[in-house]
Amino acid sequence: MPVYVYETVPHTPGEAPQRFEVRQSMAEAPLTSHPESGAPVRRVLTGGLVTFTHGAAGGTTGTPAMPQGGCGAGCACAH
């Protein structure tokens, strides 16, 4: 099951949201409230960085460029 990142929705300007992780099935609906406090929450979209290279015609090739140094800890990609 994937782990999703959520954060509380601040009520006042300058209030910092609190982040937490929840292991959920992809079929489960996103949380709308904090499991312990009941405060309203939103799911945070997380992901990797993808850079597209330009082809000879000036358009993108759709092929992501590999960052120098690999793509992260534990990467099993063939570089």
N, C-alpha and C. Protein backbone atom coordinates (compact mmCIF):
# COMPACT_ATOMS: atom_id res chain seq x y z
N MET A 1 0.84 -1.18 0.00
CA MET A 1 0.00 0.00 0.00
C MET A 1 0.88 1.25 0.00
N PRO A 2 0.47 2.25 -0.77
CA PRO A 2 1.25 3.49 -0.81
C PRO A 2 1.10 4.30 0.48
N VAL A 3 2.09 5.15 0.70
CA VAL A 3 2.07 6.08 1.83
C VAL A 3 1.78 7.46 1.26
N TYR A 4 0.73 8.10 1.78
CA TYR A 4 0.34 9.44 1.34
C TYR A 4 0.72 10.47 2.39
N VAL A 5 1.09 11.67 1.92
CA VAL A 5 1.43 12.78 2.81
C VAL A 5 0.22 13.71 2.87
N TYR A 6 -0.17 14.07 4.07
CA TYR A 6 -1.26 15.00 4.31
C TYR A 6 -0.73 16.16 5.14
N GLU A 7 -1.46 17.29 5.10
CA GLU A 7 -1.14 18.41 5.98
C GLU A 7 -2.44 19.04 6.45
N THR A 8 -2.40 19.59 7.66
CA THR A 8 -3.57 20.29 8.18
C THR A 8 -3.75 21.59 7.41
N VAL A 9 -4.99 22.04 7.33
CA VAL A 9 -5.31 23.28 6.65
C VAL A 9 -5.24 24.41 7.68
N PRO A 10 -4.33 25.37 7.49
CA PRO A 10 -4.20 26.47 8.47
C PRO A 10 -5.48 27.31 8.54
N HIS A 11 -5.84 27.73 9.76
CA HIS A 11 -7.03 28.56 9.97
C HIS A 11 -6.72 30.05 9.90
N THR A 12 -5.49 30.42 10.22
CA THR A 12 -5.11 31.83 10.25
C THR A 12 -3.85 32.04 9.42
N PRO A 13 -3.69 33.25 8.88
CA PRO A 13 -2.46 33.54 8.13
C PRO A 13 -1.23 33.38 9.04
N GLY A 14 -0.20 32.79 8.50
CA GLY A 14 1.03 32.59 9.26
C GLY A 14 1.05 31.29 10.05
N GLU A 15 -0.08 30.63 10.18
CA GLU A 15 -0.12 29.34 10.89
C GLU A 15 0.51 28.28 10.00
N ALA A 16 1.44 27.53 10.54
CA ALA A 16 2.13 26.49 9.76
C ALA A 16 1.31 25.20 9.76
N PRO A 17 1.14 24.59 8.59
CA PRO A 17 0.44 23.31 8.55
C PRO A 17 1.31 22.21 9.16
N GLN A 18 0.67 21.21 9.73
CA GLN A 18 1.37 20.06 10.28
C GLN A 18 1.25 18.91 9.28
N ARG A 19 2.40 18.34 8.90
CA ARG A 19 2.40 17.23 7.93
C ARG A 19 2.48 15.89 8.65
N PHE A 20 1.84 14.89 8.04
CA PHE A 20 1.89 13.53 8.55
C PHE A 20 1.67 12.57 7.39
N GLU A 21 2.03 11.32 7.59
CA GLU A 21 1.91 10.29 6.56
C GLU A 21 0.89 9.25 6.97
N VAL A 22 0.18 8.71 5.98
CA VAL A 22 -0.81 7.67 6.22
C VAL A 22 -0.66 6.60 5.14
N ARG A 23 -0.60 5.34 5.55
CA ARG A 23 -0.57 4.23 4.60
C ARG A 23 -2.01 3.89 4.25
N GLN A 24 -2.35 4.03 2.95
CA GLN A 24 -3.72 3.80 2.49
C GLN A 24 -3.71 3.00 1.19
N SER A 25 -4.78 2.29 0.96
CA SER A 25 -4.98 1.64 -0.32
C SER A 25 -5.30 2.71 -1.36
N MET A 26 -4.95 2.46 -2.62
CA MET A 26 -5.25 3.42 -3.68
C MET A 26 -6.76 3.54 -3.88
N ALA A 27 -7.53 2.52 -3.47
CA ALA A 27 -8.98 2.55 -3.63
C ALA A 27 -9.66 3.37 -2.54
N GLU A 28 -8.97 3.66 -1.45
CA GLU A 28 -9.56 4.45 -0.36
C GLU A 28 -9.67 5.92 -0.75
N ALA A 29 -10.71 6.56 -0.28
CA ALA A 29 -10.89 7.99 -0.50
C ALA A 29 -9.86 8.76 0.33
N PRO A 30 -9.41 9.92 -0.17
CA PRO A 30 -8.47 10.74 0.61
C PRO A 30 -9.11 11.18 1.93
N LEU A 31 -8.26 11.34 2.95
CA LEU A 31 -8.75 11.82 4.24
C LEU A 31 -9.22 13.26 4.11
N THR A 32 -10.21 13.63 4.91
CA THR A 32 -10.68 15.01 4.96
C THR A 32 -10.43 15.62 6.34
N SER A 33 -10.11 14.77 7.33
CA SER A 33 -9.82 15.27 8.67
C SER A 33 -8.68 14.45 9.28
N HIS A 34 -7.95 15.08 10.21
CA HIS A 34 -6.83 14.44 10.90
C HIS A 34 -7.38 13.28 11.73
N PRO A 35 -6.76 12.08 11.65
CA PRO A 35 -7.28 10.92 12.36
C PRO A 35 -7.33 11.09 13.89
N GLU A 36 -6.48 11.94 14.45
CA GLU A 36 -6.45 12.10 15.91
C GLU A 36 -7.16 13.37 16.37
N SER A 37 -6.88 14.51 15.70
CA SER A 37 -7.42 15.78 16.18
C SER A 37 -8.73 16.17 15.52
N GLY A 38 -9.03 15.61 14.35
CA GLY A 38 -10.24 15.97 13.63
C GLY A 38 -10.10 17.25 12.80
N ALA A 39 -8.92 17.87 12.81
CA ALA A 39 -8.69 19.10 12.05
C ALA A 39 -8.80 18.79 10.55
N PRO A 40 -9.28 19.75 9.75
CA PRO A 40 -9.36 19.52 8.31
C PRO A 40 -7.96 19.35 7.71
N VAL A 41 -7.85 18.44 6.74
CA VAL A 41 -6.57 18.15 6.10
C VAL A 41 -6.73 18.12 4.59
N ARG A 42 -5.59 18.22 3.90
CA ARG A 42 -5.53 18.06 2.45
C ARG A 42 -4.35 17.16 2.13
N ARG A 43 -4.49 16.40 1.03
CA ARG A 43 -3.39 15.53 0.61
C ARG A 43 -2.37 16.36 -0.15
N VAL A 44 -1.10 16.11 0.12
CA VAL A 44 0.00 16.82 -0.52
C VAL A 44 0.51 15.95 -1.66
N LEU A 45 0.57 16.52 -2.86
CA LEU A 45 1.10 15.78 -4.00
C LEU A 45 2.62 15.82 -3.94
N THR A 46 3.23 14.66 -4.00
CA THR A 46 4.67 14.56 -3.98
C THR A 46 5.11 13.76 -5.20
N GLY A 47 6.35 13.93 -5.60
CA GLY A 47 6.84 13.19 -6.75
C GLY A 47 8.23 13.61 -7.11
N GLY A 48 8.74 13.01 -8.15
CA GLY A 48 10.10 13.29 -8.59
C GLY A 48 10.16 14.41 -9.60
N LEU A 49 11.36 14.78 -9.93
CA LEU A 49 11.62 15.83 -10.91
C LEU A 49 11.91 15.19 -12.25
N VAL A 50 11.22 15.65 -13.29
CA VAL A 50 11.46 15.14 -14.63
C VAL A 50 11.84 16.32 -15.52
N THR A 51 12.93 16.17 -16.25
CA THR A 51 13.40 17.19 -17.17
C THR A 51 13.30 16.63 -18.58
N PHE A 52 12.68 17.37 -19.48
CA PHE A 52 12.55 16.91 -20.85
C PHE A 52 13.62 17.56 -21.70
N THR A 53 14.18 16.78 -22.63
CA THR A 53 15.20 17.30 -23.54
C THR A 53 14.54 17.73 -24.84
N HIS A 54 15.17 18.62 -25.58
CA HIS A 54 14.61 19.11 -26.84
C HIS A 54 15.22 18.35 -28.00
N GLY A 55 14.39 17.99 -28.96
CA GLY A 55 14.84 17.30 -30.16
C GLY A 55 15.36 18.29 -31.19
N ALA A 56 15.80 17.79 -32.33
CA ALA A 56 16.39 18.63 -33.37
C ALA A 56 15.37 19.61 -33.94
N ALA A 57 14.09 19.25 -33.95
CA ALA A 57 13.06 20.13 -34.52
C ALA A 57 12.60 21.19 -33.53
N GLY A 58 13.14 21.19 -32.33
CA GLY A 58 12.78 22.20 -31.34
C GLY A 58 11.68 21.75 -30.40
N GLY A 59 11.06 20.61 -30.64
CA GLY A 59 10.02 20.09 -29.76
C GLY A 59 10.63 19.18 -28.71
N THR A 60 9.82 18.80 -27.75
CA THR A 60 10.33 17.88 -26.74
C THR A 60 10.26 16.46 -27.26
N THR A 61 11.21 15.66 -26.87
CA THR A 61 11.25 14.27 -27.31
C THR A 61 10.38 13.38 -26.43
N GLY A 62 10.02 13.88 -25.24
CA GLY A 62 9.24 13.07 -24.32
C GLY A 62 10.10 12.11 -23.52
N THR A 63 11.40 12.18 -23.70
CA THR A 63 12.32 11.31 -22.98
C THR A 63 12.92 12.07 -21.82
N PRO A 64 12.66 11.64 -20.58
CA PRO A 64 13.24 12.36 -19.45
C PRO A 64 14.75 12.26 -19.44
N ALA A 65 15.41 13.34 -19.09
CA ALA A 65 16.86 13.33 -18.95
C ALA A 65 17.21 12.87 -17.54
N MET A 66 18.18 12.00 -17.40
CA MET A 66 18.59 11.51 -16.09
C MET A 66 19.42 12.56 -15.40
N PRO A 67 19.11 12.90 -14.15
CA PRO A 67 19.93 13.87 -13.44
C PRO A 67 21.33 13.29 -13.19
N GLN A 68 22.32 14.14 -13.15
CA GLN A 68 23.67 13.67 -12.89
C GLN A 68 23.73 13.12 -11.47
N GLY A 69 24.43 12.02 -11.30
CA GLY A 69 24.57 11.42 -9.98
C GLY A 69 23.48 10.39 -9.70
N GLY A 70 22.66 10.05 -10.69
CA GLY A 70 21.62 9.06 -10.48
C GLY A 70 20.29 9.70 -10.12
N CYS A 71 19.34 8.86 -9.80
CA CYS A 71 18.00 9.37 -9.53
C CYS A 71 17.59 9.18 -8.07
N GLY A 72 18.53 9.01 -7.18
CA GLY A 72 18.20 8.97 -5.76
C GLY A 72 18.76 7.76 -5.06
N ALA A 73 18.63 7.78 -3.76
CA ALA A 73 19.13 6.68 -2.94
C ALA A 73 18.37 5.40 -3.25
N GLY A 74 19.07 4.33 -3.39
CA GLY A 74 18.44 3.03 -3.66
C GLY A 74 17.97 2.86 -5.09
N CYS A 75 18.41 3.70 -5.98
CA CYS A 75 18.00 3.64 -7.37
C CYS A 75 18.50 2.36 -8.01
N ALA A 76 17.62 1.69 -8.74
CA ALA A 76 18.00 0.45 -9.42
C ALA A 76 18.06 0.65 -10.94
N CYS A 77 18.04 1.93 -11.38
CA CYS A 77 18.08 2.24 -12.80
C CYS A 77 19.45 1.91 -13.39
N ALA A 78 19.45 1.55 -14.66
CA ALA A 78 20.71 1.36 -15.37
C ALA A 78 21.08 2.71 -15.99
N HIS A 79 22.20 3.28 -15.60
CA HIS A 79 22.59 4.61 -16.09
C HIS A 79 23.55 4.47 -17.23
